[in-house]
Amino acid sequence: MGAGKTRIGRRVAKALDVRFLDTDKMVVAEHGQIAEIFETRGEAAFRDLERDAVAEALSERAVVSLGGGAVLHEDTQRALAHTTVVFLTVTAEAVAARINTSKRPLLKNGTGDWQRIYDERRTLYESLAVATFDTSNEPIERIAANIAIWAKGRA
C-alpha cells in the first residue's frame, strides 16, 4: 500500500504500449467500494473477488496493478508464478506522506498497521518477484521509465 502501483503501472503500460489494469478498480467497478465490501462481507469475501479480478486481468497482455493483499490468496500466487512480477518497495516514511489511512480498511490504526502488514507480507512479495524497484525517493516518472527499460530488455 502506498508504493505507487497504480501511478507507476499506468506509465509503464504506456511506455510498453499495452493496457493497464488495476485489480482494485476492477473489483470496485463490479462490486462496489472496497471499504464497504470489507465492512459488509469481510476480508475473505473481498479476497475471493480480488482473486477473480486478478485471474481476469492476467489473461490479457497488460501491466496489472494488484492490491497489496492480492498475493495472500493461493490461487493468485499460483497464477503469478507464470508472469513477470515486479515488487515496488517503499519506506514507512514515504507511505506516511502519501496515503490517507482513513480510506484504507486495513489501516484504521494508522501507518503502524502499514508497517506490520508490510513486514508480514514482505517475504511473500520477494518470493514472487523477479525484480524490485524502490519508490520512496525517486520521481514516479523516473521509476516508471526504469521499469519499462528493464521490461523491454527482458522481451
Protein backbone atom coordinates (compact mmCIF):
# COMPACT_ATOMS: atom_id res chain seq x y z
CA MET A 1 0.00 0.00 0.00
CA GLY A 2 1.28 3.42 -0.93
CA ALA A 3 4.11 2.24 -3.17
CA GLY A 4 2.64 3.91 -6.25
CA LYS A 5 1.48 0.77 -8.07
CA THR A 6 -1.29 2.50 -9.98
CA ARG A 7 0.58 5.66 -10.91
CA ILE A 8 3.70 3.78 -11.93
CA GLY A 9 1.77 0.98 -13.63
CA ARG A 10 -0.09 3.41 -15.89
CA ARG A 11 3.18 4.97 -17.03
CA VAL A 12 4.88 1.61 -17.60
CA ALA A 13 1.91 0.36 -19.63
CA LYS A 14 2.01 3.47 -21.79
CA ALA A 15 5.76 3.09 -22.36
CA LEU A 16 5.27 -0.58 -23.31
CA ASP A 17 2.19 0.19 -25.42
CA VAL A 18 -0.05 -2.27 -23.56
CA ARG A 19 -3.22 -1.93 -21.50
CA PHE A 20 -3.11 -1.03 -17.83
CA LEU A 21 -5.42 -2.91 -15.48
CA ASP A 22 -5.87 -2.19 -11.77
CA THR A 23 -7.50 -5.11 -9.98
CA ASP A 24 -8.79 -2.92 -7.14
CA LYS A 25 -10.59 -0.73 -9.69
CA MET A 26 -11.96 -3.84 -11.39
CA VAL A 27 -13.42 -5.05 -8.09
CA VAL A 28 -14.91 -1.63 -7.33
CA ALA A 29 -16.48 -1.36 -10.79
CA GLU A 30 -18.20 -4.70 -10.41
CA HIS A 31 -18.89 -4.99 -6.68
CA GLY A 32 -18.70 -1.54 -5.04
CA GLN A 33 -16.27 0.22 -2.74
CA ILE A 34 -13.59 -1.93 -1.11
CA ALA A 35 -14.17 -0.49 2.37
CA GLU A 36 -17.86 -1.37 2.09
CA ILE A 37 -17.06 -4.91 0.93
CA PHE A 38 -14.74 -5.35 3.93
CA GLU A 39 -17.39 -3.99 6.29
CA THR A 40 -20.40 -5.90 4.98
CA ARG A 41 -18.90 -9.12 3.63
CA GLY A 42 -15.49 -9.40 5.30
CA GLU A 43 -11.92 -9.65 4.12
CA ALA A 44 -12.22 -13.27 2.93
CA ALA A 45 -15.06 -12.36 0.56
CA PHE A 46 -13.05 -9.41 -0.75
CA ARG A 47 -10.01 -11.65 -1.34
CA ASP A 48 -12.16 -14.03 -3.42
CA LEU A 49 -13.45 -11.13 -5.55
CA GLU A 50 -9.89 -9.87 -5.86
CA ARG A 51 -8.65 -13.34 -6.91
CA ASP A 52 -11.23 -13.39 -9.71
CA ALA A 53 -10.20 -9.90 -10.88
CA VAL A 54 -6.53 -10.91 -10.89
CA ALA A 55 -7.26 -14.02 -12.95
CA GLU A 56 -9.22 -11.95 -15.46
CA ALA A 57 -6.51 -9.28 -15.67
CA LEU A 58 -3.70 -11.79 -16.10
CA SER A 59 -5.50 -13.33 -19.08
CA GLU A 60 -4.58 -10.22 -21.09
CA ARG A 61 -1.28 -8.79 -22.29
CA ALA A 62 -1.15 -5.87 -19.89
CA VAL A 63 0.57 -4.20 -16.99
CA VAL A 64 -1.52 -5.24 -14.00
CA SER A 65 -1.55 -3.47 -10.64
CA LEU A 66 -2.56 -5.75 -7.78
CA GLY A 67 -3.81 -4.66 -4.40
CA GLY A 68 -1.18 -5.28 -1.73
CA GLY A 69 -3.07 -8.23 -0.26
CA ALA A 70 -3.90 -9.97 -3.54
CA VAL A 71 -0.91 -12.26 -3.12
CA LEU A 72 -2.39 -13.72 0.05
CA HIS A 73 -4.70 -15.95 -1.99
CA GLU A 74 -3.00 -19.19 -3.03
CA ASP A 75 -4.74 -19.19 -6.42
CA THR A 76 -3.25 -15.76 -7.12
CA GLN A 77 0.19 -16.93 -6.03
CA ARG A 78 -0.03 -19.83 -8.49
CA ALA A 79 -1.18 -17.51 -11.29
CA LEU A 80 1.65 -15.07 -10.61
CA ALA A 81 4.22 -17.86 -10.83
CA HIS A 82 3.67 -17.76 -14.61
CA THR A 83 4.06 -13.99 -15.04
CA THR A 84 6.65 -11.27 -14.61
CA VAL A 85 6.15 -9.79 -11.15
CA VAL A 86 7.75 -6.50 -10.17
CA PHE A 87 7.84 -5.69 -6.45
CA LEU A 88 7.63 -1.97 -5.65
CA THR A 89 9.11 -1.21 -2.25
CA VAL A 90 8.62 1.95 -0.23
CA THR A 91 9.67 3.17 3.19
CA ALA A 92 7.21 3.78 6.02
CA GLU A 93 8.19 7.45 5.98
CA ALA A 94 7.27 7.81 2.32
CA VAL A 95 3.97 5.98 2.87
CA ALA A 96 3.05 8.27 5.75
CA ALA A 97 3.33 11.25 3.42
CA ARG A 98 1.35 9.57 0.62
CA ILE A 99 -1.70 7.79 1.96
CA ASN A 100 -4.88 8.67 3.78
CA THR A 101 -5.24 5.82 6.27
CA SER A 102 -8.92 6.61 6.89
CA LYS A 103 -9.72 5.35 3.38
CA ARG A 104 -7.83 2.07 3.85
CA PRO A 105 -9.77 -0.65 5.71
CA LEU A 106 -6.61 -2.39 6.93
CA LEU A 107 -5.01 0.85 8.19
CA LYS A 108 -7.64 2.04 10.66
CA ASN A 109 -4.94 2.48 13.30
CA GLY A 110 -2.55 4.43 11.07
CA THR A 111 0.80 3.76 9.48
CA GLY A 112 1.88 1.40 12.26
CA ASP A 113 -0.61 -1.02 10.71
CA TRP A 114 1.08 -0.48 7.35
CA GLN A 115 4.47 -1.49 8.78
CA ARG A 116 3.03 -4.60 10.44
CA ILE A 117 1.27 -5.68 7.22
CA TYR A 118 4.36 -4.99 5.12
CA ASP A 119 6.55 -6.99 7.49
CA GLU A 120 4.08 -9.91 7.38
CA ARG A 121 3.92 -9.95 3.58
CA ARG A 122 7.44 -8.97 2.56
CA THR A 123 8.84 -12.48 2.24
CA LEU A 124 5.90 -13.49 0.06
CA TYR A 125 6.30 -10.42 -2.16
CA GLU A 126 10.01 -11.13 -2.56
CA SER A 127 9.41 -14.79 -3.40
CA LEU A 128 7.03 -13.89 -6.24
CA ALA A 129 9.04 -11.03 -7.71
CA VAL A 130 11.62 -11.24 -10.46
CA ALA A 131 12.66 -7.61 -9.92
CA THR A 132 12.39 -5.00 -7.19
CA PHE A 133 12.26 -1.22 -7.55
CA ASP A 134 12.15 1.23 -4.64
CA THR A 135 9.64 4.06 -4.99
CA SER A 136 10.48 6.01 -1.85
CA ASN A 137 12.55 8.90 -3.21
CA GLU A 138 12.77 8.96 -6.99
CA PRO A 139 10.18 10.75 -9.11
CA ILE A 140 7.41 8.43 -10.32
CA GLU A 141 8.27 9.19 -13.95
CA ARG A 142 11.88 8.05 -13.50
CA ILE A 143 10.86 4.86 -11.70
CA ALA A 144 8.36 4.02 -14.43
CA ALA A 145 10.94 4.70 -17.15
CA ASN A 146 13.45 2.44 -15.41
CA ILE A 147 10.91 -0.37 -15.13
CA ALA A 148 9.92 -0.01 -18.79
CA ILE A 149 13.59 -0.13 -19.87
CA TRP A 150 14.11 -3.21 -17.70
CA ALA A 151 10.97 -4.88 -19.12
CA LYS A 152 11.97 -4.15 -22.72
CA GLY A 153 15.34 -5.72 -22.02
CA ARG A 154 13.58 -8.93 -20.96
CA ALA A 155 11.48 -9.15 -24.12
